[in-house]
Amino acid sequence: MIVEGREVRVLDEGTGPTVVLEAGAGATLDSWARVIPLLTPEARVVAYDRSGLGFSDPMPAPDDRRPRAVAAQLDAILAAVGAPPPYVLVGHSIGGLYVRAFAERRPDAVAGLVLVDPSHEDMQKAVPTPRAEKVLGTVVKGMLRAAAWLGPLGAPRLLTPLLMPKATVTKLALEPDHVAAIRTRYGRADAIRAIYQELAQLTAALDQTRELQVPPSIPVTELSGDRFDRKASNPDTRRLINELHAALAATSDAGRHVVVDCGHLVPIDRPEAVADAVLTMVREQRPL
């Protein structure tokens, strides 16, 4: 689909109230592969690849990955698709920041938010990050930046196993030809650059999120994992993150906080929990 002169990969399936899915950092709409079939019997599901990721063209430089800019892009995509409001917006990880920005931008069009183990604007301040993880994060961003610049030499393809782990691909049960196509796309310099920008601008994205004004009348359901996938994580990290999630849910007049038996990748490991939260909100849509 062409949106504002740029090719954007969009999935639009099912009938009923509109549910919009926003993936985590560096992820494509394929990260929702186990959730979408559970929603389409009762809802029209719209998901997409953000600029530069998957099968969507990159944005022209400079590439603003802060929440309000991403929300503006999503607004244009929904207009192009012709998906009518009200929307139930579902955001995983950093996608949670983006759907909150959309709710600020178009509160009249939002029936509710489902935030799936979302990033939180205070997580860097409230949660101590072990030195080893800080070093690892710096190394990963350095590798992504170098690979983007060395694209003509084929460097991005070396990171494909890191960006699409075999275990994740197996759980998603994607067709082999589709997996091969995604791996090829992840081997492009603009895809690596897009992932790098999402990580490099995370602090700026969190800062902007503190400014968001989301009406408390918009229902919010927060899903939190009960552990992290990284074995070396500080044992207090999950508790502190979930406290932030609970506090954010409490800012809504109809806020719910649900802890799910899994790690951070809730859409992949517990798709039924995501679908239950989304369909509950679809059935309880507030009048706009």
C-alpha atoms as a PDB file:
ATOM      1  CA  MET A   1       0.000   0.000   0.000  1.00  0.00           C
ATOM      2  CA  ILE A   2       1.251   3.484  -0.853  1.00  0.00           C
ATOM      3  CA  VAL A   3       0.901   5.935   2.055  1.00  0.00           C
ATOM      4  CA  GLU A   4       2.135   9.495   1.550  1.00  0.00           C
ATOM      5  CA  GLY A   5       4.307   8.386  -1.344  1.00  0.00           C
ATOM      6  CA  ARG A   6       5.923   5.491   0.510  1.00  0.00           C
ATOM      7  CA  GLU A   7       5.334   1.743   0.286  1.00  0.00           C
ATOM      8  CA  VAL A   8       3.984   0.426   3.586  1.00  0.00           C
ATOM      9  CA  ARG A   9       3.242  -3.198   4.344  1.00  0.00           C
ATOM     10  CA  VAL A  10      -0.204  -3.379   5.953  1.00  0.00           C
ATOM     11  CA  LEU A  11      -2.247  -6.354   7.125  1.00  0.00           C
ATOM     12  CA  ASP A  12      -6.013  -5.777   7.149  1.00  0.00           C
ATOM     13  CA  GLU A  13      -8.063  -8.848   8.058  1.00  0.00           C
ATOM     14  CA  GLY A  14     -11.349  -9.731   9.698  1.00  0.00           C
ATOM     15  CA  THR A  15     -14.592  -7.844  10.237  1.00  0.00           C
ATOM     16  CA  GLY A  16     -15.993  -5.970  13.190  1.00  0.00           C
ATOM     17  CA  PRO A  17     -14.594  -3.243  15.456  1.00  0.00           C
ATOM     18  CA  THR A  18     -11.100  -2.100  14.474  1.00  0.00           C
ATOM     19  CA  VAL A  19      -8.119  -3.388  16.440  1.00  0.00           C
ATOM     20  CA  VAL A  20      -4.735  -1.830  15.638  1.00  0.00           C
ATOM     21  CA  LEU A  21      -1.501  -3.661  16.489  1.00  0.00           C
ATOM     22  CA  GLU A  22       1.813  -1.838  17.087  1.00  0.00           C
ATOM     23  CA  ALA A  23       4.874  -4.073  17.391  1.00  0.00           C
ATOM     24  CA  GLY A  24       7.906  -3.785  19.654  1.00  0.00           C
ATOM     25  CA  ALA A  25      11.272  -2.257  18.779  1.00  0.00           C
ATOM     26  CA  GLY A  26      12.667  -3.500  15.493  1.00  0.00           C
ATOM     27  CA  ALA A  27       9.790  -5.967  15.048  1.00  0.00           C
ATOM     28  CA  THR A  28       7.407  -6.442  12.142  1.00  0.00           C
ATOM     29  CA  LEU A  29       3.720  -7.243  12.109  1.00  0.00           C
ATOM     30  CA  ASP A  30       4.787 -10.910  12.030  1.00  0.00           C
ATOM     31  CA  SER A  31       5.428 -10.667  15.770  1.00  0.00           C
ATOM     32  CA  TRP A  32       1.609 -10.776  16.120  1.00  0.00           C
ATOM     33  CA  ALA A  33       1.260 -13.956  14.027  1.00  0.00           C
ATOM     34  CA  ARG A  34      -0.079 -16.015  16.937  1.00  0.00           C
ATOM     35  CA  VAL A  35      -2.467 -13.274  18.127  1.00  0.00           C
ATOM     36  CA  ILE A  36      -4.138 -12.205  14.874  1.00  0.00           C
ATOM     37  CA  PRO A  37      -6.092 -15.462  14.203  1.00  0.00           C
ATOM     38  CA  LEU A  38      -7.562 -15.232  17.697  1.00  0.00           C
ATOM     39  CA  LEU A  39      -8.896 -11.714  17.008  1.00  0.00           C
ATOM     40  CA  THR A  40     -10.229 -11.836  13.460  1.00  0.00           C
ATOM     41  CA  PRO A  41     -13.416 -13.804  14.270  1.00  0.00           C
ATOM     42  CA  GLU A  42     -14.646 -10.769  16.218  1.00  0.00           C
ATOM     43  CA  ALA A  43     -12.612  -7.808  14.976  1.00  0.00           C
ATOM     44  CA  ARG A  44     -11.063  -6.125  11.974  1.00  0.00           C
ATOM     45  CA  VAL A  45      -7.325  -6.272  12.624  1.00  0.00           C
ATOM     46  CA  VAL A  46      -4.901  -3.729  11.166  1.00  0.00           C
ATOM     47  CA  ALA A  47      -1.158  -4.216  11.640  1.00  0.00           C
ATOM     48  CA  TYR A  48       1.806  -2.808   9.743  1.00  0.00           C
ATOM     49  CA  ASP A  49       5.582  -2.645   9.467  1.00  0.00           C
ATOM     50  CA  ARG A  50       6.977   0.676  10.672  1.00  0.00           C
ATOM     51  CA  SER A  51       9.141   2.638   8.245  1.00  0.00           C
ATOM     52  CA  GLY A  52      12.294   0.816   7.207  1.00  0.00           C
ATOM     53  CA  LEU A  53      11.285  -2.396   8.967  1.00  0.00           C
ATOM     54  CA  GLY A  54      10.115  -5.584   7.293  1.00  0.00           C
ATOM     55  CA  PHE A  55       8.575  -4.738   3.945  1.00  0.00           C
ATOM     56  CA  SER A  56       7.970  -1.001   4.480  1.00  0.00           C
ATOM     57  CA  ASP A  57      10.076   1.667   2.823  1.00  0.00           C
ATOM     58  CA  PRO A  58      12.213   3.865   5.078  1.00  0.00           C
ATOM     59  CA  MET A  59      11.317   7.432   5.943  1.00  0.00           C
ATOM     60  CA  PRO A  60      13.480  10.170   4.455  1.00  0.00           C
ATOM     61  CA  ALA A  61      16.150  11.469   6.840  1.00  0.00           C
ATOM     62  CA  PRO A  62      15.996  12.661   9.523  1.00  0.00           C
ATOM     63  CA  ASP A  63      14.057   9.665  10.846  1.00  0.00           C
ATOM     64  CA  ASP A  64      12.066  10.742  13.904  1.00  0.00           C
ATOM     65  CA  ARG A  65      11.219   7.676  16.014  1.00  0.00           C
ATOM     66  CA  ARG A  66       9.669   9.543  18.917  1.00  0.00           C
ATOM     67  CA  PRO A  67       6.077   8.600  19.794  1.00  0.00           C
ATOM     68  CA  ARG A  68       4.263  11.609  18.329  1.00  0.00           C
ATOM     69  CA  ALA A  69       5.971  11.191  14.950  1.00  0.00           C
ATOM     70  CA  VAL A  70       5.150   7.474  14.830  1.00  0.00           C
ATOM     71  CA  ALA A  71       1.546   8.217  15.862  1.00  0.00           C
ATOM     72  CA  ALA A  72       1.240  10.667  12.960  1.00  0.00           C
ATOM     73  CA  GLN A  73       2.444   7.960  10.556  1.00  0.00           C
ATOM     74  CA  LEU A  74      -0.060   5.495  12.013  1.00  0.00           C
ATOM     75  CA  ASP A  75      -2.849   8.061  11.609  1.00  0.00           C
ATOM     76  CA  ALA A  76      -2.024   8.390   7.908  1.00  0.00           C
ATOM     77  CA  ILE A  77      -1.956   4.597   7.477  1.00  0.00           C
ATOM     78  CA  LEU A  78      -5.364   4.129   9.094  1.00  0.00           C
ATOM     79  CA  ALA A  79      -6.780   6.845   6.853  1.00  0.00           C
ATOM     80  CA  ALA A  80      -5.331   5.132   3.772  1.00  0.00           C
ATOM     81  CA  VAL A  81      -6.709   1.740   4.834  1.00  0.00           C
ATOM     82  CA  GLY A  82     -10.124   3.228   5.498  1.00  0.00           C
ATOM     83  CA  ALA A  83     -10.440   1.514   8.854  1.00  0.00           C
ATOM     84  CA  PRO A  84     -13.156   3.327  10.808  1.00  0.00           C
ATOM     85  CA  PRO A  85     -12.859   4.338  14.462  1.00  0.00           C
ATOM     86  CA  PRO A  86     -13.273   3.693  17.268  1.00  0.00           C
ATOM     87  CA  TYR A  87      -9.973   1.861  17.582  1.00  0.00           C
ATOM     88  CA  VAL A  88      -8.715  -0.516  20.224  1.00  0.00           C
ATOM     89  CA  LEU A  89      -4.964   0.096  20.061  1.00  0.00           C
ATOM     90  CA  VAL A  90      -2.568  -2.645  21.142  1.00  0.00           C
ATOM     91  CA  GLY A  91       1.109  -1.868  21.693  1.00  0.00           C
ATOM     92  CA  HIS A  92       3.874  -4.271  22.694  1.00  0.00           C
ATOM     93  CA  SER A  93       7.055  -2.986  24.385  1.00  0.00           C
ATOM     94  CA  ILE A  94       8.051   0.291  22.680  1.00  0.00           C
ATOM     95  CA  GLY A  95       4.818   0.042  20.708  1.00  0.00           C
ATOM     96  CA  GLY A  96       3.066   0.935  23.953  1.00  0.00           C
ATOM     97  CA  LEU A  97       4.592   4.421  23.751  1.00  0.00           C
ATOM     98  CA  TYR A  98       3.366   4.842  20.192  1.00  0.00           C
ATOM     99  CA  VAL A  99      -0.261   3.889  20.856  1.00  0.00           C
ATOM    100  CA  ARG A 100      -0.361   6.190  23.878  1.00  0.00           C
ATOM    101  CA  ALA A 101       0.794   9.021  21.612  1.00  0.00           C
ATOM    102  CA  PHE A 102      -1.974   8.135  19.159  1.00  0.00           C
ATOM    103  CA  ALA A 103      -4.493   8.273  22.008  1.00  0.00           C
ATOM    104  CA  GLU A 104      -3.289  11.792  22.798  1.00  0.00           C
ATOM    105  CA  ARG A 105      -3.485  12.742  19.106  1.00  0.00           C
ATOM    106  CA  ARG A 106      -6.930  11.230  18.427  1.00  0.00           C
ATOM    107  CA  PRO A 107      -8.690  10.674  21.783  1.00  0.00           C
ATOM    108  CA  ASP A 108     -12.040  10.921  20.027  1.00  0.00           C
ATOM    109  CA  ALA A 109     -11.143   7.895  17.904  1.00  0.00           C
ATOM    110  CA  VAL A 110      -9.816   5.581  20.624  1.00  0.00           C
ATOM    111  CA  ALA A 111     -12.038   3.063  22.398  1.00  0.00           C
ATOM    112  CA  GLY A 112      -9.227   1.739  24.573  1.00  0.00           C
ATOM    113  CA  LEU A 113      -5.572   0.796  24.919  1.00  0.00           C
ATOM    114  CA  VAL A 114      -4.066  -2.623  25.577  1.00  0.00           C
ATOM    115  CA  LEU A 115      -0.422  -2.166  26.592  1.00  0.00           C
ATOM    116  CA  VAL A 116       1.505  -5.434  26.377  1.00  0.00           C
ATOM    117  CA  ASP A 117       4.544  -5.413  28.666  1.00  0.00           C
ATOM    118  CA  PRO A 118       5.090  -1.841  27.488  1.00  0.00           C
ATOM    119  CA  SER A 119       8.073   0.421  27.788  1.00  0.00           C
ATOM    120  CA  HIS A 120       7.503   3.057  30.477  1.00  0.00           C
ATOM    121  CA  GLU A 121       8.793   6.609  30.562  1.00  0.00           C
ATOM    122  CA  ASP A 122      10.319   6.167  34.023  1.00  0.00           C
ATOM    123  CA  MET A 123      11.866   2.749  33.513  1.00  0.00           C
ATOM    124  CA  GLN A 124      15.413   4.032  33.024  1.00  0.00           C
ATOM    125  CA  LYS A 125      15.243   6.048  36.246  1.00  0.00           C
ATOM    126  CA  ALA A 126      13.346   3.593  38.410  1.00  0.00           C
ATOM    127  CA  VAL A 127      15.026   0.369  37.351  1.00  0.00           C
ATOM    128  CA  PRO A 128      18.741  -0.162  37.992  1.00  0.00           C
ATOM    129  CA  THR A 129      20.472  -1.608  34.941  1.00  0.00           C
ATOM    130  CA  PRO A 130      23.397  -3.960  35.699  1.00  0.00           C
ATOM    131  CA  ARG A 131      26.669  -2.753  34.266  1.00  0.00           C
ATOM    132  CA  ALA A 132      26.945  -5.870  32.101  1.00  0.00           C
ATOM    133  CA  GLU A 133      23.611  -5.082  30.444  1.00  0.00           C
ATOM    134  CA  LYS A 134      24.624  -1.459  29.845  1.00  0.00           C
ATOM    135  CA  VAL A 135      27.792  -2.634  28.141  1.00  0.00           C
ATOM    136  CA  LEU A 136      25.837  -5.175  26.083  1.00  0.00           C
ATOM    137  CA  GLY A 137      23.347  -2.503  25.010  1.00  0.00           C
ATOM    138  CA  THR A 138      26.165  -0.214  23.911  1.00  0.00           C
ATOM    139  CA  VAL A 139      27.791  -3.034  21.953  1.00  0.00           C
ATOM    140  CA  VAL A 140      24.537  -3.974  20.205  1.00  0.00           C
ATOM    141  CA  LYS A 141      23.847  -0.382  19.164  1.00  0.00           C
ATOM    142  CA  GLY A 142      27.418  -0.064  17.954  1.00  0.00           C
ATOM    143  CA  MET A 143      27.044  -3.228  15.874  1.00  0.00           C
ATOM    144  CA  LEU A 144      23.798  -1.982  14.348  1.00  0.00           C
ATOM    145  CA  ARG A 145      25.263   1.389  13.497  1.00  0.00           C
ATOM    146  CA  ALA A 146      28.355  -0.144  11.933  1.00  0.00           C
ATOM    147  CA  ALA A 147      26.289  -2.641   9.952  1.00  0.00           C
ATOM    148  CA  ALA A 148      24.080   0.128   8.585  1.00  0.00           C
ATOM    149  CA  TRP A 149      27.100   2.079   7.353  1.00  0.00           C
ATOM    150  CA  LEU A 150      28.724  -1.052   5.936  1.00  0.00           C
ATOM    151  CA  GLY A 151      25.579  -2.091   4.079  1.00  0.00           C
ATOM    152  CA  PRO A 152      27.221  -2.165   0.625  1.00  0.00           C
ATOM    153  CA  LEU A 153      29.665  -4.784   1.960  1.00  0.00           C
ATOM    154  CA  GLY A 154      26.861  -7.089   3.133  1.00  0.00           C
ATOM    155  CA  ALA A 155      27.407  -6.454   6.869  1.00  0.00           C
ATOM    156  CA  PRO A 156      23.678  -6.259   7.757  1.00  0.00           C
ATOM    157  CA  ARG A 157      23.188  -9.916   6.787  1.00  0.00           C
ATOM    158  CA  LEU A 158      25.574 -10.951   9.550  1.00  0.00           C
ATOM    159  CA  LEU A 159      23.057  -9.685  12.147  1.00  0.00           C
ATOM    160  CA  THR A 160      20.064 -11.563  10.768  1.00  0.00           C
ATOM    161  CA  PRO A 161      20.385 -14.511  13.214  1.00  0.00           C
ATOM    162  CA  LEU A 162      20.387 -12.005  16.093  1.00  0.00           C
ATOM    163  CA  LEU A 163      17.334 -10.134  14.795  1.00  0.00           C
ATOM    164  CA  MET A 164      15.361 -13.274  13.906  1.00  0.00           C
ATOM    165  CA  PRO A 165      16.335 -16.010  16.379  1.00  0.00           C
ATOM    166  CA  LYS A 166      15.462 -19.524  15.280  1.00  0.00           C
ATOM    167  CA  ALA A 167      13.430 -20.180  18.446  1.00  0.00           C
ATOM    168  CA  THR A 168      11.210 -17.158  17.763  1.00  0.00           C
ATOM    169  CA  VAL A 169      10.659 -18.109  14.139  1.00  0.00           C
ATOM    170  CA  THR A 170       9.671 -21.625  15.229  1.00  0.00           C
ATOM    171  CA  LYS A 171       7.095 -20.323  17.713  1.00  0.00           C
ATOM    172  CA  LEU A 172       5.559 -17.991  15.142  1.00  0.00           C
ATOM    173  CA  ALA A 173       5.156 -20.919  12.704  1.00  0.00           C
ATOM    174  CA  LEU A 174       5.726 -18.713   9.663  1.00  0.00           C
ATOM    175  CA  GLU A 175       5.963 -20.195   6.181  1.00  0.00           C
ATOM    176  CA  PRO A 176       9.590 -20.959   5.180  1.00  0.00           C
ATOM    177  CA  ASP A 177       9.392 -18.781   2.058  1.00  0.00           C
ATOM    178  CA  HIS A 178       8.109 -15.863   4.124  1.00  0.00           C
ATOM    179  CA  VAL A 179      10.874 -16.311   6.704  1.00  0.00           C
ATOM    180  CA  ALA A 180      13.444 -16.291   3.912  1.00  0.00           C
ATOM    181  CA  ALA A 181      11.962 -13.086   2.524  1.00  0.00           C
ATOM    182  CA  ILE A 182      12.013 -11.401   5.941  1.00  0.00           C
ATOM    183  CA  ARG A 183      15.612 -12.442   6.523  1.00  0.00           C
ATOM    184  CA  THR A 184      16.511 -10.919   3.161  1.00  0.00           C
ATOM    185  CA  ARG A 185      14.800  -7.657   4.116  1.00  0.00           C
ATOM    186  CA  TYR A 186      16.595  -7.612   7.476  1.00  0.00           C
ATOM    187  CA  GLY A 187      19.806  -7.833   5.464  1.00  0.00           C
ATOM    188  CA  ARG A 188      19.256  -4.342   4.069  1.00  0.00           C
ATOM    189  CA  ALA A 189      21.141  -1.363   5.429  1.00  0.00           C
ATOM    190  CA  ASP A 190      17.945   0.722   5.766  1.00  0.00           C
ATOM    191  CA  ALA A 191      16.335  -1.977   7.955  1.00  0.00           C
ATOM    192  CA  ILE A 192      19.351  -2.069  10.268  1.00  0.00           C
ATOM    193  CA  ARG A 193      19.357   1.722  10.326  1.00  0.00           C
ATOM    194  CA  ALA A 194      15.676   1.762  11.326  1.00  0.00           C
ATOM    195  CA  ILE A 195      16.290  -0.643  14.199  1.00  0.00           C
ATOM    196  CA  TYR A 196      19.279   1.404  15.316  1.00  0.00           C
ATOM    197  CA  GLN A 197      17.208   4.598  15.279  1.00  0.00           C
ATOM    198  CA  GLU A 198      14.497   3.051  17.454  1.00  0.00           C
ATOM    199  CA  LEU A 199      17.085   2.027  20.048  1.00  0.00           C
ATOM    200  CA  ALA A 200      19.205   5.179  19.785  1.00  0.00           C
ATOM    201  CA  GLN A 201      16.173   7.438  20.222  1.00  0.00           C
ATOM    202  CA  LEU A 202      14.690   5.463  23.110  1.00  0.00           C
ATOM    203  CA  THR A 203      15.642   8.008  25.770  1.00  0.00           C
ATOM    204  CA  ALA A 204      14.192  10.825  23.659  1.00  0.00           C
ATOM    205  CA  ALA A 205      11.061   8.732  23.123  1.00  0.00           C
ATOM    206  CA  LEU A 206      10.668   8.201  26.867  1.00  0.00           C
ATOM    207  CA  ASP A 207      11.180  11.923  27.516  1.00  0.00           C
ATOM    208  CA  GLN A 208       8.445  12.820  25.034  1.00  0.00           C
ATOM    209  CA  THR A 209       6.113  10.220  26.548  1.00  0.00           C
ATOM    210  CA  ARG A 210       6.220  12.121  29.854  1.00  0.00           C
ATOM    211  CA  GLU A 211       4.575  15.029  28.037  1.00  0.00           C
ATOM    212  CA  LEU A 212       1.659  13.000  26.673  1.00  0.00           C
ATOM    213  CA  GLN A 213      -1.829  13.946  27.788  1.00  0.00           C
ATOM    214  CA  VAL A 214      -4.034  10.876  27.460  1.00  0.00           C
ATOM    215  CA  PRO A 215      -7.571  11.426  28.799  1.00  0.00           C
ATOM    216  CA  PRO A 216      -8.284   9.244  31.850  1.00  0.00           C
ATOM    217  CA  SER A 217     -11.643   8.358  30.286  1.00  0.00           C
ATOM    218  CA  ILE A 218      -9.840   6.069  27.812  1.00  0.00           C
ATOM    219  CA  PRO A 219      -9.798   2.496  29.212  1.00  0.00           C
ATOM    220  CA  VAL A 220      -6.351   0.970  29.648  1.00  0.00           C
ATOM    221  CA  THR A 221      -5.428  -2.678  30.189  1.00  0.00           C
ATOM    222  CA  GLU A 222      -1.798  -3.416  31.041  1.00  0.00           C
ATOM    223  CA  LEU A 223      -0.362  -6.886  30.590  1.00  0.00           C
ATOM    224  CA  SER A 224       2.922  -7.548  32.408  1.00  0.00           C
ATOM    225  CA  GLY A 225       5.114 -10.610  32.253  1.00  0.00           C
ATOM    226  CA  ASP A 226       6.149 -12.136  35.560  1.00  0.00           C
ATOM    227  CA  ARG A 227       9.805 -12.541  34.607  1.00  0.00           C
ATOM    228  CA  PHE A 228      12.372 -11.494  32.044  1.00  0.00           C
ATOM    229  CA  ASP A 229      13.785 -13.708  29.325  1.00  0.00           C
ATOM    230  CA  ARG A 230      17.349 -12.667  30.171  1.00  0.00           C
ATOM    231  CA  LYS A 231      18.686 -14.930  32.922  1.00  0.00           C
ATOM    232  CA  ALA A 232      21.185 -12.308  34.087  1.00  0.00           C
ATOM    233  CA  SER A 233      18.560  -9.643  34.776  1.00  0.00           C
ATOM    234  CA  ASN A 234      18.449  -8.073  38.210  1.00  0.00           C
ATOM    235  CA  PRO A 235      15.752  -9.991  40.160  1.00  0.00           C
ATOM    236  CA  ASP A 236      14.202  -6.691  41.286  1.00  0.00           C
ATOM    237  CA  THR A 237      13.835  -5.418  37.732  1.00  0.00           C
ATOM    238  CA  ARG A 238      10.595  -7.232  36.955  1.00  0.00           C
ATOM    239  CA  ARG A 239       8.974  -6.163  40.214  1.00  0.00           C
ATOM    240  CA  LEU A 240       9.884  -2.512  39.621  1.00  0.00           C
ATOM    241  CA  ILE A 241       8.722  -2.584  36.003  1.00  0.00           C
ATOM    242  CA  ASN A 242       5.406  -4.152  36.975  1.00  0.00           C
ATOM    243  CA  GLU A 243       4.893  -1.494  39.643  1.00  0.00           C
ATOM    244  CA  LEU A 244       5.278   1.130  36.924  1.00  0.00           C
ATOM    245  CA  HIS A 245       2.767  -0.763  34.772  1.00  0.00           C
ATOM    246  CA  ALA A 246       0.256  -0.910  37.617  1.00  0.00           C
ATOM    247  CA  ALA A 247       0.637   2.819  38.282  1.00  0.00           C
ATOM    248  CA  LEU A 248       0.090   3.635  34.623  1.00  0.00           C
ATOM    249  CA  ALA A 249      -3.057   1.503  34.476  1.00  0.00           C
ATOM    250  CA  ALA A 250      -4.334   3.360  37.541  1.00  0.00           C
ATOM    251  CA  THR A 251      -4.251   6.685  35.653  1.00  0.00           C
ATOM    252  CA  SER A 252      -7.231   5.435  33.624  1.00  0.00           C
ATOM    253  CA  ASP A 253     -10.746   5.578  35.028  1.00  0.00           C
ATOM    254  CA  ALA A 254     -11.132   2.033  33.696  1.00  0.00           C
ATOM    255  CA  GLY A 255      -7.627   0.706  34.244  1.00  0.00           C
ATOM    256  CA  ARG A 256      -6.685  -2.937  34.635  1.00  0.00           C
ATOM    257  CA  HIS A 257      -3.332  -4.529  35.380  1.00  0.00           C
ATOM    258  CA  VAL A 258      -2.890  -8.219  34.608  1.00  0.00           C
ATOM    259  CA  VAL A 259       0.277 -10.233  35.285  1.00  0.00           C
ATOM    260  CA  VAL A 260       0.846 -13.030  32.766  1.00  0.00           C
ATOM    261  CA  ASP A 261       2.909 -16.167  33.291  1.00  0.00           C
ATOM    262  CA  CYS A 262       5.688 -15.473  30.771  1.00  0.00           C
ATOM    263  CA  GLY A 263       8.577 -13.172  29.945  1.00  0.00           C
ATOM    264  CA  HIS A 264       8.639 -10.009  27.852  1.00  0.00           C
ATOM    265  CA  LEU A 265       7.517 -11.600  24.567  1.00  0.00           C
ATOM    266  CA  VAL A 266       3.876 -11.926  25.585  1.00  0.00           C
ATOM    267  CA  PRO A 267       2.415 -11.898  22.026  1.00  0.00           C
ATOM    268  CA  ILE A 268       4.604 -14.863  21.118  1.00  0.00           C
ATOM    269  CA  ASP A 269       4.546 -16.856  24.361  1.00  0.00           C
ATOM    270  CA  ARG A 270       0.993 -16.109  25.576  1.00  0.00           C
ATOM    271  CA  PRO A 271      -1.053 -14.972  22.562  1.00  0.00           C
ATOM    272  CA  GLU A 272      -4.294 -16.089  24.188  1.00  0.00           C
ATOM    273  CA  ALA A 273      -3.720 -13.671  27.085  1.00  0.00           C
ATOM    274  CA  VAL A 274      -3.321 -10.794  24.643  1.00  0.00           C
ATOM    275  CA  ALA A 275      -6.384 -11.837  22.660  1.00  0.00           C
ATOM    276  CA  ASP A 276      -8.503 -12.160  25.816  1.00  0.00           C
ATOM    277  CA  ALA A 277      -7.572  -8.635  26.932  1.00  0.00           C
ATOM    278  CA  VAL A 278      -8.220  -7.171  23.486  1.00  0.00           C
ATOM    279  CA  LEU A 279     -11.546  -8.903  22.898  1.00  0.00           C
ATOM    280  CA  THR A 280     -12.752  -7.990  26.387  1.00  0.00           C
ATOM    281  CA  MET A 281     -12.099  -4.348  25.533  1.00  0.00           C
ATOM    282  CA  VAL A 282     -13.753  -4.731  22.123  1.00  0.00           C
ATOM    283  CA  ARG A 283     -16.882  -6.085  23.775  1.00  0.00           C
ATOM    284  CA  GLU A 284     -16.883  -3.315  26.383  1.00  0.00           C
ATOM    285  CA  GLN A 285     -16.216  -0.403  24.023  1.00  0.00           C
ATOM    286  CA  ARG A 286     -17.107   2.942  25.509  1.00  0.00           C
ATOM    287  CA  PRO A 287     -19.439   5.185  23.489  1.00  0.00           C
ATOM    288  CA  LEU A 288     -17.546   7.969  21.710  1.00  0.00           C
END
